[in-house]
Amino acid sequence: MARISGVDLPANKRIQIALTYIFGIGLPTANKIIKETNIDPDRRVKDLTDDEINLLRKAIEKGNKVEGDLRTDIAFNIKRLMDIGCYR
């Protein structure tokens, strides 16, 4: 089982779908990451090697805010808008 950004990816899913289990990564972003790392999108997570998992981890950390950092930013933005009395 692969663990990326604190999330255990399901072993029997295709890597393209499994990456969407990470908060902040949707299908278009998952496809972009897969193209960057040159991994076949039809491979299953259980078939990935440790090197490929490390490539995915580095690609995600390099270009995307995910999980805890993204949740913190969203909460901070909402709090900022509430403090200034903005109505949306």
PDB file of N, CA and C in Angstrom:
ATOM      1  N   MET A   1       0.840  -1.178   0.000  1.00  0.00           N
ATOM      2  CA  MET A   1       0.000   0.000   0.000  1.00  0.00           C
ATOM      3  C   MET A   1       0.889   1.246   0.000  1.00  0.00           C
ATOM      4  N   ALA A   2       0.587   2.162  -0.888  1.00  0.00           N
ATOM      5  CA  ALA A   2       1.374   3.385  -1.014  1.00  0.00           C
ATOM      6  C   ALA A   2       0.793   4.459  -0.097  1.00  0.00           C
ATOM      7  N   ARG A   3       1.673   5.207   0.533  1.00  0.00           N
ATOM      8  CA  ARG A   3       1.255   6.301   1.402  1.00  0.00           C
ATOM      9  C   ARG A   3       1.890   7.576   0.875  1.00  0.00           C
ATOM     10  N   ILE A   4       1.045   8.505   0.401  1.00  0.00           N
ATOM     11  CA  ILE A   4       1.517   9.766  -0.147  1.00  0.00           C
ATOM     12  C   ILE A   4       0.766  10.891   0.545  1.00  0.00           C
ATOM     13  N   SER A   5       1.482  11.871   1.034  1.00  0.00           N
ATOM     14  CA  SER A   5       0.913  13.046   1.713  1.00  0.00           C
ATOM     15  C   SER A   5       0.003  12.656   2.875  1.00  0.00           C
ATOM     16  N   GLY A   6       0.349  11.584   3.558  1.00  0.00           N
ATOM     17  CA  GLY A   6      -0.419  11.163   4.719  1.00  0.00           C
ATOM     18  C   GLY A   6      -1.681  10.398   4.390  1.00  0.00           C
ATOM     19  N   VAL A   7      -1.857  10.009   3.141  1.00  0.00           N
ATOM     20  CA  VAL A   7      -3.053   9.278   2.717  1.00  0.00           C
ATOM     21  C   VAL A   7      -2.637   7.914   2.183  1.00  0.00           C
ATOM     22  N   ASP A   8      -3.297   6.866   2.661  1.00  0.00           N
ATOM     23  CA  ASP A   8      -3.063   5.530   2.128  1.00  0.00           C
ATOM     24  C   ASP A   8      -3.880   5.371   0.854  1.00  0.00           C
ATOM     25  N   LEU A   9      -3.199   5.154  -0.253  1.00  0.00           N
ATOM     26  CA  LEU A   9      -3.894   4.971  -1.518  1.00  0.00           C
ATOM     27  C   LEU A   9      -4.403   3.542  -1.605  1.00  0.00           C
ATOM     28  N   PRO A  10      -5.637   3.354  -2.091  1.00  0.00           N
ATOM     29  CA  PRO A  10      -6.177   1.994  -2.211  1.00  0.00           C
ATOM     30  C   PRO A  10      -5.379   1.171  -3.209  1.00  0.00           C
ATOM     31  N   ALA A  11      -5.027  -0.050  -2.833  1.00  0.00           N
ATOM     32  CA  ALA A  11      -4.103  -0.864  -3.613  1.00  0.00           C
ATOM     33  C   ALA A  11      -4.692  -1.368  -4.926  1.00  0.00           C
ATOM     34  N   ASN A  12      -5.983  -1.600  -4.988  1.00  0.00           N
ATOM     35  CA  ASN A  12      -6.561  -2.202  -6.182  1.00  0.00           C
ATOM     36  C   ASN A  12      -7.067  -1.187  -7.200  1.00  0.00           C
ATOM     37  N   LYS A  13      -6.925   0.098  -6.923  1.00  0.00           N
ATOM     38  CA  LYS A  13      -7.370   1.130  -7.860  1.00  0.00           C
ATOM     39  C   LYS A  13      -6.254   1.473  -8.831  1.00  0.00           C
ATOM     40  N   ARG A  14      -6.650   1.982 -10.012  1.00  0.00           N
ATOM     41  CA  ARG A  14      -5.661   2.498 -10.952  1.00  0.00           C
ATOM     42  C   ARG A  14      -5.049   3.750 -10.345  1.00  0.00           C
ATOM     43  N   ILE A  15      -3.795   4.022 -10.661  1.00  0.00           N
ATOM     44  CA  ILE A  15      -3.079   5.155 -10.068  1.00  0.00           C
ATOM     45  C   ILE A  15      -3.768   6.466 -10.403  1.00  0.00           C
ATOM     46  N   GLN A  16      -4.369   6.540 -11.578  1.00  0.00           N
ATOM     47  CA  GLN A  16      -5.074   7.741 -12.005  1.00  0.00           C
ATOM     48  C   GLN A  16      -6.232   8.058 -11.053  1.00  0.00           C
ATOM     49  N   ILE A  17      -6.953   7.062 -10.623  1.00  0.00           N
ATOM     50  CA  ILE A  17      -8.088   7.247  -9.715  1.00  0.00           C
ATOM     51  C   ILE A  17      -7.614   7.339  -8.275  1.00  0.00           C
ATOM     52  N   ALA A  18      -6.606   6.569  -7.917  1.00  0.00           N
ATOM     53  CA  ALA A  18      -6.130   6.538  -6.532  1.00  0.00           C
ATOM     54  C   ALA A  18      -5.581   7.893  -6.089  1.00  0.00           C
ATOM     55  N   LEU A  19      -4.958   8.647  -7.001  1.00  0.00           N
ATOM     56  CA  LEU A  19      -4.415   9.956  -6.634  1.00  0.00           C
ATOM     57  C   LEU A  19      -5.518  10.929  -6.235  1.00  0.00           C
ATOM     58  N   THR A  20      -6.739  10.713  -6.721  1.00  0.00           N
ATOM     59  CA  THR A  20      -7.838  11.622  -6.372  1.00  0.00           C
ATOM     60  C   THR A  20      -8.300  11.441  -4.930  1.00  0.00           C
ATOM     61  N   TYR A  21      -7.829  10.427  -4.236  1.00  0.00           N
ATOM     62  CA  TYR A  21      -8.147  10.248  -2.816  1.00  0.00           C
ATOM     63  C   TYR A  21      -7.409  11.269  -1.951  1.00  0.00           C
ATOM     64  N   ILE A  22      -6.417  11.939  -2.503  1.00  0.00           N
ATOM     65  CA  ILE A  22      -5.672  12.967  -1.785  1.00  0.00           C
ATOM     66  C   ILE A  22      -6.426  14.281  -1.919  1.00  0.00           C
ATOM     67  N   PHE A  23      -6.707  14.941  -0.800  1.00  0.00           N
ATOM     68  CA  PHE A  23      -7.451  16.198  -0.805  1.00  0.00           C
ATOM     69  C   PHE A  23      -6.657  17.250  -1.561  1.00  0.00           C
ATOM     70  N   GLY A  24      -7.271  17.831  -2.587  1.00  0.00           N
ATOM     71  CA  GLY A  24      -6.609  18.843  -3.386  1.00  0.00           C
ATOM     72  C   GLY A  24      -6.169  18.350  -4.749  1.00  0.00           C
ATOM     73  N   ILE A  25      -6.341  17.047  -5.007  1.00  0.00           N
ATOM     74  CA  ILE A  25      -5.987  16.494  -6.313  1.00  0.00           C
ATOM     75  C   ILE A  25      -7.232  15.902  -6.938  1.00  0.00           C
ATOM     76  N   GLY A  26      -7.610  16.460  -8.068  1.00  0.00           N
ATOM     77  CA  GLY A  26      -8.727  15.936  -8.842  1.00  0.00           C
ATOM     78  C   GLY A  26      -8.202  15.153 -10.022  1.00  0.00           C
ATOM     79  N   LEU A  27      -9.108  14.769 -10.894  1.00  0.00           N
ATOM     80  CA  LEU A  27      -8.711  13.962 -12.048  1.00  0.00           C
ATOM     81  C   LEU A  27      -7.779  14.707 -13.004  1.00  0.00           C
ATOM     82  N   PRO A  28      -8.042  15.989 -13.327  1.00  0.00           N
ATOM     83  CA  PRO A  28      -7.102  16.687 -14.217  1.00  0.00           C
ATOM     84  C   PRO A  28      -5.699  16.828 -13.618  1.00  0.00           C
ATOM     85  N   THR A  29      -5.624  17.115 -12.330  1.00  0.00           N
ATOM     86  CA  THR A  29      -4.323  17.235 -11.671  1.00  0.00           C
ATOM     87  C   THR A  29      -3.626  15.878 -11.610  1.00  0.00           C
ATOM     88  N   ALA A  30      -4.381  14.823 -11.349  1.00  0.00           N
ATOM     89  CA  ALA A  30      -3.803  13.476 -11.324  1.00  0.00           C
ATOM     90  C   ALA A  30      -3.225  13.123 -12.684  1.00  0.00           C
ATOM     91  N   ASN A  31      -3.951  13.462 -13.755  1.00  0.00           N
ATOM     92  CA  ASN A  31      -3.431  13.186 -15.102  1.00  0.00           C
ATOM     93  C   ASN A  31      -2.162  13.967 -15.386  1.00  0.00           C
ATOM     94  N   LYS A  32      -2.098  15.221 -14.919  1.00  0.00           N
ATOM     95  CA  LYS A  32      -0.901  16.046 -15.118  1.00  0.00           C
ATOM     96  C   LYS A  32       0.298  15.449 -14.381  1.00  0.00           C
ATOM     97  N   ILE A  33       0.080  14.993 -13.163  1.00  0.00           N
ATOM     98  CA  ILE A  33       1.154  14.400 -12.365  1.00  0.00           C
ATOM     99  C   ILE A  33       1.654  13.111 -13.018  1.00  0.00           C
ATOM    100  N   ILE A  34       0.730  12.309 -13.524  1.00  0.00           N
ATOM    101  CA  ILE A  34       1.108  11.049 -14.167  1.00  0.00           C
ATOM    102  C   ILE A  34       1.928  11.314 -15.428  1.00  0.00           C
ATOM    103  N   LYS A  35       1.548  12.340 -16.201  1.00  0.00           N
ATOM    104  CA  LYS A  35       2.321  12.671 -17.402  1.00  0.00           C
ATOM    105  C   LYS A  35       3.719  13.155 -17.042  1.00  0.00           C
ATOM    106  N   GLU A  36       3.833  13.939 -15.968  1.00  0.00           N
ATOM    107  CA  GLU A  36       5.150  14.428 -15.528  1.00  0.00           C
ATOM    108  C   GLU A  36       6.074  13.281 -15.152  1.00  0.00           C
ATOM    109  N   THR A  37       5.522  12.266 -14.504  1.00  0.00           N
ATOM    110  CA  THR A  37       6.350  11.174 -13.995  1.00  0.00           C
ATOM    111  C   THR A  37       6.487  10.015 -14.974  1.00  0.00           C
ATOM    112  N   ASN A  38       5.782  10.088 -16.120  1.00  0.00           N
ATOM    113  CA  ASN A  38       5.835   9.037 -17.140  1.00  0.00           C
ATOM    114  C   ASN A  38       5.450   7.662 -16.599  1.00  0.00           C
ATOM    115  N   ILE A  39       4.401   7.624 -15.795  1.00  0.00           N
ATOM    116  CA  ILE A  39       3.869   6.368 -15.274  1.00  0.00           C
ATOM    117  C   ILE A  39       2.605   6.040 -16.053  1.00  0.00           C
ATOM    118  N   ASP A  40       2.422   4.768 -16.380  1.00  0.00           N
ATOM    119  CA  ASP A  40       1.237   4.336 -17.115  1.00  0.00           C
ATOM    120  C   ASP A  40       0.003   4.536 -16.233  1.00  0.00           C
ATOM    121  N   PRO A  41      -1.005   5.294 -16.703  1.00  0.00           N
ATOM    122  CA  PRO A  41      -2.181   5.564 -15.872  1.00  0.00           C
ATOM    123  C   PRO A  41      -3.042   4.333 -15.596  1.00  0.00           C
ATOM    124  N   ASP A  42      -2.838   3.243 -16.341  1.00  0.00           N
ATOM    125  CA  ASP A  42      -3.632   2.034 -16.137  1.00  0.00           C
ATOM    126  C   ASP A  42      -3.027   1.080 -15.108  1.00  0.00           C
ATOM    127  N   ARG A  43      -1.838   1.399 -14.599  1.00  0.00           N
ATOM    128  CA  ARG A  43      -1.219   0.527 -13.593  1.00  0.00           C
ATOM    129  C   ARG A  43      -1.933   0.662 -12.266  1.00  0.00           C
ATOM    130  N   ARG A  44      -1.950  -0.403 -11.527  1.00  0.00           N
ATOM    131  CA  ARG A  44      -2.562  -0.417 -10.203  1.00  0.00           C
ATOM    132  C   ARG A  44      -1.541   0.063  -9.174  1.00  0.00           C
ATOM    133  N   VAL A  45      -2.039   0.577  -8.067  1.00  0.00           N
ATOM    134  CA  VAL A  45      -1.155   1.085  -7.021  1.00  0.00           C
ATOM    135  C   VAL A  45      -0.284  -0.029  -6.471  1.00  0.00           C
ATOM    136  N   LYS A  46      -0.835  -1.223  -6.335  1.00  0.00           N
ATOM    137  CA  LYS A  46      -0.056  -2.340  -5.779  1.00  0.00           C
ATOM    138  C   LYS A  46       1.101  -2.758  -6.689  1.00  0.00           C
ATOM    139  N   ASP A  47       1.051  -2.389  -7.982  1.00  0.00           N
ATOM    140  CA  ASP A  47       2.100  -2.760  -8.927  1.00  0.00           C
ATOM    141  C   ASP A  47       3.211  -1.716  -9.034  1.00  0.00           C
ATOM    142  N   LEU A  48       3.076  -0.595  -8.348  1.00  0.00           N
ATOM    143  CA  LEU A  48       4.088   0.460  -8.423  1.00  0.00           C
ATOM    144  C   LEU A  48       5.325   0.078  -7.618  1.00  0.00           C
ATOM    145  N   THR A  49       6.482   0.481  -8.123  1.00  0.00           N
ATOM    146  CA  THR A  49       7.721   0.247  -7.389  1.00  0.00           C
ATOM    147  C   THR A  49       7.941   1.405  -6.418  1.00  0.00           C
ATOM    148  N   ASP A  50       8.889   1.240  -5.522  1.00  0.00           N
ATOM    149  CA  ASP A  50       9.201   2.294  -4.552  1.00  0.00           C
ATOM    150  C   ASP A  50       9.720   3.552  -5.249  1.00  0.00           C
ATOM    151  N   ASP A  51      10.483   3.365  -6.323  1.00  0.00           N
ATOM    152  CA  ASP A  51      10.994   4.519  -7.069  1.00  0.00           C
ATOM    153  C   ASP A  51       9.860   5.315  -7.697  1.00  0.00           C
ATOM    154  N   GLU A  52       8.876   4.622  -8.235  1.00  0.00           N
ATOM    155  CA  GLU A  52       7.732   5.315  -8.844  1.00  0.00           C
ATOM    156  C   GLU A  52       6.907   6.048  -7.797  1.00  0.00           C
ATOM    157  N   ILE A  53       6.760   5.458  -6.642  1.00  0.00           N
ATOM    158  CA  ILE A  53       6.027   6.119  -5.554  1.00  0.00           C
ATOM    159  C   ILE A  53       6.769   7.370  -5.114  1.00  0.00           C
ATOM    160  N   ASN A  54       8.089   7.293  -5.037  1.00  0.00           N
ATOM    161  CA  ASN A  54       8.883   8.470  -4.677  1.00  0.00           C
ATOM    162  C   ASN A  54       8.779   9.554  -5.746  1.00  0.00           C
ATOM    163  N   LEU A  55       8.747   9.168  -7.026  1.00  0.00           N
ATOM    164  CA  LEU A  55       8.555  10.143  -8.101  1.00  0.00           C
ATOM    165  C   LEU A  55       7.214  10.857  -7.958  1.00  0.00           C
ATOM    166  N   LEU A  56       6.169  10.091  -7.678  1.00  0.00           N
ATOM    167  CA  LEU A  56       4.845  10.685  -7.476  1.00  0.00           C
ATOM    168  C   LEU A  56       4.853  11.640  -6.285  1.00  0.00           C
ATOM    169  N   ARG A  57       5.467  11.205  -5.210  1.00  0.00           N
ATOM    170  CA  ARG A  57       5.531  12.027  -3.995  1.00  0.00           C
ATOM    171  C   ARG A  57       6.232  13.359  -4.270  1.00  0.00           C
ATOM    172  N   LYS A  58       7.348  13.310  -4.984  1.00  0.00           N
ATOM    173  CA  LYS A  58       8.092  14.527  -5.303  1.00  0.00           C
ATOM    174  C   LYS A  58       7.311  15.442  -6.236  1.00  0.00           C
ATOM    175  N   ALA A  59       6.623  14.859  -7.228  1.00  0.00           N
ATOM    176  CA  ALA A  59       5.841  15.657  -8.173  1.00  0.00           C
ATOM    177  C   ALA A  59       4.682  16.353  -7.461  1.00  0.00           C
ATOM    178  N   ILE A  60       4.070  15.676  -6.508  1.00  0.00           N
ATOM    179  CA  ILE A  60       2.954  16.270  -5.763  1.00  0.00           C
ATOM    180  C   ILE A  60       3.456  17.376  -4.856  1.00  0.00           C
ATOM    181  N   GLU A  61       4.553  17.143  -4.164  1.00  0.00           N
ATOM    182  CA  GLU A  61       5.093  18.158  -3.247  1.00  0.00           C
ATOM    183  C   GLU A  61       5.601  19.380  -3.997  1.00  0.00           C
ATOM    184  N   LYS A  62       6.121  19.164  -5.205  1.00  0.00           N
ATOM    185  CA  LYS A  62       6.715  20.252  -5.970  1.00  0.00           C
ATOM    186  C   LYS A  62       5.677  21.261  -6.441  1.00  0.00           C
ATOM    187  N   GLY A  63       4.555  20.797  -6.962  1.00  0.00           N
ATOM    188  CA  GLY A  63       3.665  21.725  -7.626  1.00  0.00           C
ATOM    189  C   GLY A  63       2.300  21.922  -7.014  1.00  0.00           C
ATOM    190  N   ASN A  64       1.963  21.227  -5.952  1.00  0.00           N
ATOM    191  CA  ASN A  64       0.593  21.283  -5.449  1.00  0.00           C
ATOM    192  C   ASN A  64       0.541  21.448  -3.940  1.00  0.00           C
ATOM    193  N   LYS A  65      -0.455  22.202  -3.487  1.00  0.00           N
ATOM    194  CA  LYS A  65      -0.762  22.250  -2.064  1.00  0.00           C
ATOM    195  C   LYS A  65      -1.831  21.209  -1.815  1.00  0.00           C
ATOM    196  N   VAL A  66      -1.558  20.293  -0.919  1.00  0.00           N
ATOM    197  CA  VAL A  66      -2.507  19.215  -0.662  1.00  0.00           C
ATOM    198  C   VAL A  66      -2.666  19.000   0.830  1.00  0.00           C
ATOM    199  N   GLU A  67      -3.712  18.279   1.166  1.00  0.00           N
ATOM    200  CA  GLU A  67      -4.043  17.854   2.529  1.00  0.00           C
ATOM    201  C   GLU A  67      -3.968  18.979   3.554  1.00  0.00           C
ATOM    202  N   GLY A  68      -3.108  18.883   4.545  1.00  0.00           N
ATOM    203  CA  GLY A  68      -3.080  19.801   5.681  1.00  0.00           C
ATOM    204  C   GLY A  68      -2.832  21.250   5.308  1.00  0.00           C
ATOM    205  N   ASP A  69      -1.880  21.495   4.425  1.00  0.00           N
ATOM    206  CA  ASP A  69      -1.567  22.866   4.012  1.00  0.00           C
ATOM    207  C   ASP A  69      -2.754  23.504   3.306  1.00  0.00           C
ATOM    208  N   LEU A  70      -3.398  22.755   2.435  1.00  0.00           N
ATOM    209  CA  LEU A  70      -4.543  23.279   1.695  1.00  0.00           C
ATOM    210  C   LEU A  70      -5.716  23.539   2.629  1.00  0.00           C
ATOM    211  N   ARG A  71      -5.978  22.612   3.542  1.00  0.00           N
ATOM    212  CA  ARG A  71      -7.078  22.803   4.503  1.00  0.00           C
ATOM    213  C   ARG A  71      -6.829  24.035   5.379  1.00  0.00           C
ATOM    214  N   THR A  72      -5.588  24.233   5.783  1.00  0.00           N
ATOM    215  CA  THR A  72      -5.235  25.400   6.593  1.00  0.00           C
ATOM    216  C   THR A  72      -5.455  26.690   5.818  1.00  0.00           C
ATOM    217  N   ASP A  73      -5.032  26.723   4.567  1.00  0.00           N
ATOM    218  CA  ASP A  73      -5.218  27.919   3.742  1.00  0.00           C
ATOM    219  C   ASP A  73      -6.693  28.238   3.540  1.00  0.00           C
ATOM    220  N   ILE A  74      -7.500  27.225   3.290  1.00  0.00           N
ATOM    221  CA  ILE A  74      -8.928  27.435   3.086  1.00  0.00           C
ATOM    222  C   ILE A  74      -9.566  27.982   4.357  1.00  0.00           C
ATOM    223  N   ALA A  75      -9.228  27.385   5.506  1.00  0.00           N
ATOM    224  CA  ALA A  75      -9.782  27.860   6.778  1.00  0.00           C
ATOM    225  C   ALA A  75      -9.343  29.290   7.070  1.00  0.00           C
ATOM    226  N   PHE A  76      -8.083  29.612   6.769  1.00  0.00           N
ATOM    227  CA  PHE A  76      -7.583  30.960   6.999  1.00  0.00           C
ATOM    228  C   PHE A  76      -8.299  31.964   6.102  1.00  0.00           C
ATOM    229  N   ASN A  77      -8.530  31.613   4.844  1.00  0.00           N
ATOM    230  CA  ASN A  77      -9.228  32.510   3.924  1.00  0.00           C
ATOM    231  C   ASN A  77     -10.661  32.762   4.375  1.00  0.00           C
ATOM    232  N   ILE A  78     -11.336  31.725   4.841  1.00  0.00           N
ATOM    233  CA  ILE A  78     -12.706  31.898   5.337  1.00  0.00           C
ATOM    234  C   ILE A  78     -12.710  32.778   6.573  1.00  0.00           C
ATOM    235  N   LYS A  79     -11.765  32.552   7.497  1.00  0.00           N
ATOM    236  CA  LYS A  79     -11.690  33.362   8.717  1.00  0.00           C
ATOM    237  C   LYS A  79     -11.401  34.822   8.374  1.00  0.00           C
ATOM    238  N   ARG A  80     -10.518  35.060   7.401  1.00  0.00           N
ATOM    239  CA  ARG A  80     -10.197  36.428   6.987  1.00  0.00           C
ATOM    240  C   ARG A  80     -11.431  37.137   6.452  1.00  0.00           C
ATOM    241  N   LEU A  81     -12.198  36.447   5.631  1.00  0.00           N
ATOM    242  CA  LEU A  81     -13.409  37.057   5.088  1.00  0.00           C
ATOM    243  C   LEU A  81     -14.439  37.342   6.174  1.00  0.00           C
ATOM    244  N   MET A  82     -14.530  36.459   7.164  1.00  0.00           N
ATOM    245  CA  MET A  82     -15.455  36.692   8.272  1.00  0.00           C
ATOM    246  C   MET A  82     -15.006  37.886   9.112  1.00  0.00           C
ATOM    247  N   ASP A  83     -13.709  38.032   9.308  1.00  0.00           N
ATOM    248  CA  ASP A  83     -13.181  39.131  10.121  1.00  0.00           C
ATOM    249  C   ASP A  83     -13.438  40.485   9.471  1.00  0.00           C
ATOM    250  N   ILE A  84     -13.360  40.564   8.158  1.00  0.00           N
ATOM    251  CA  ILE A  84     -13.577  41.850   7.499  1.00  0.00           C
ATOM    252  C   ILE A  84     -15.061  42.106   7.225  1.00  0.00           C
ATOM    253  N   GLY A  85     -15.896  41.142   7.593  1.00  0.00           N
ATOM    254  CA  GLY A  85     -17.337  41.329   7.453  1.00  0.00           C
ATOM    255  C   GLY A  85     -17.830  41.181   6.029  1.00  0.00           C
ATOM    256  N   CYS A  86     -17.132  40.419   5.237  1.00  0.00           N
ATOM    257  CA  CYS A  86     -17.519  40.220   3.853  1.00  0.00           C
ATOM    258  C   CYS A  86     -18.693  39.247   3.801  1.00  0.00           C
ATOM    259  N   TYR A  87     -19.665  39.565   2.981  1.00  0.00           N
ATOM    260  CA  TYR A  87     -20.817  38.695   2.837  1.00  0.00           C
ATOM    261  C   TYR A  87     -20.766  38.053   1.462  1.00  0.00           C
ATOM    262  N   ARG A  88     -20.690  36.718   1.420  1.00  0.00           N
ATOM    263  CA  ARG A  88     -20.702  36.005   0.147  1.00  0.00           C
ATOM    264  C   ARG A  88     -21.736  34.934   0.211  1.00  0.00           C
TER     265      ARG A  88
END
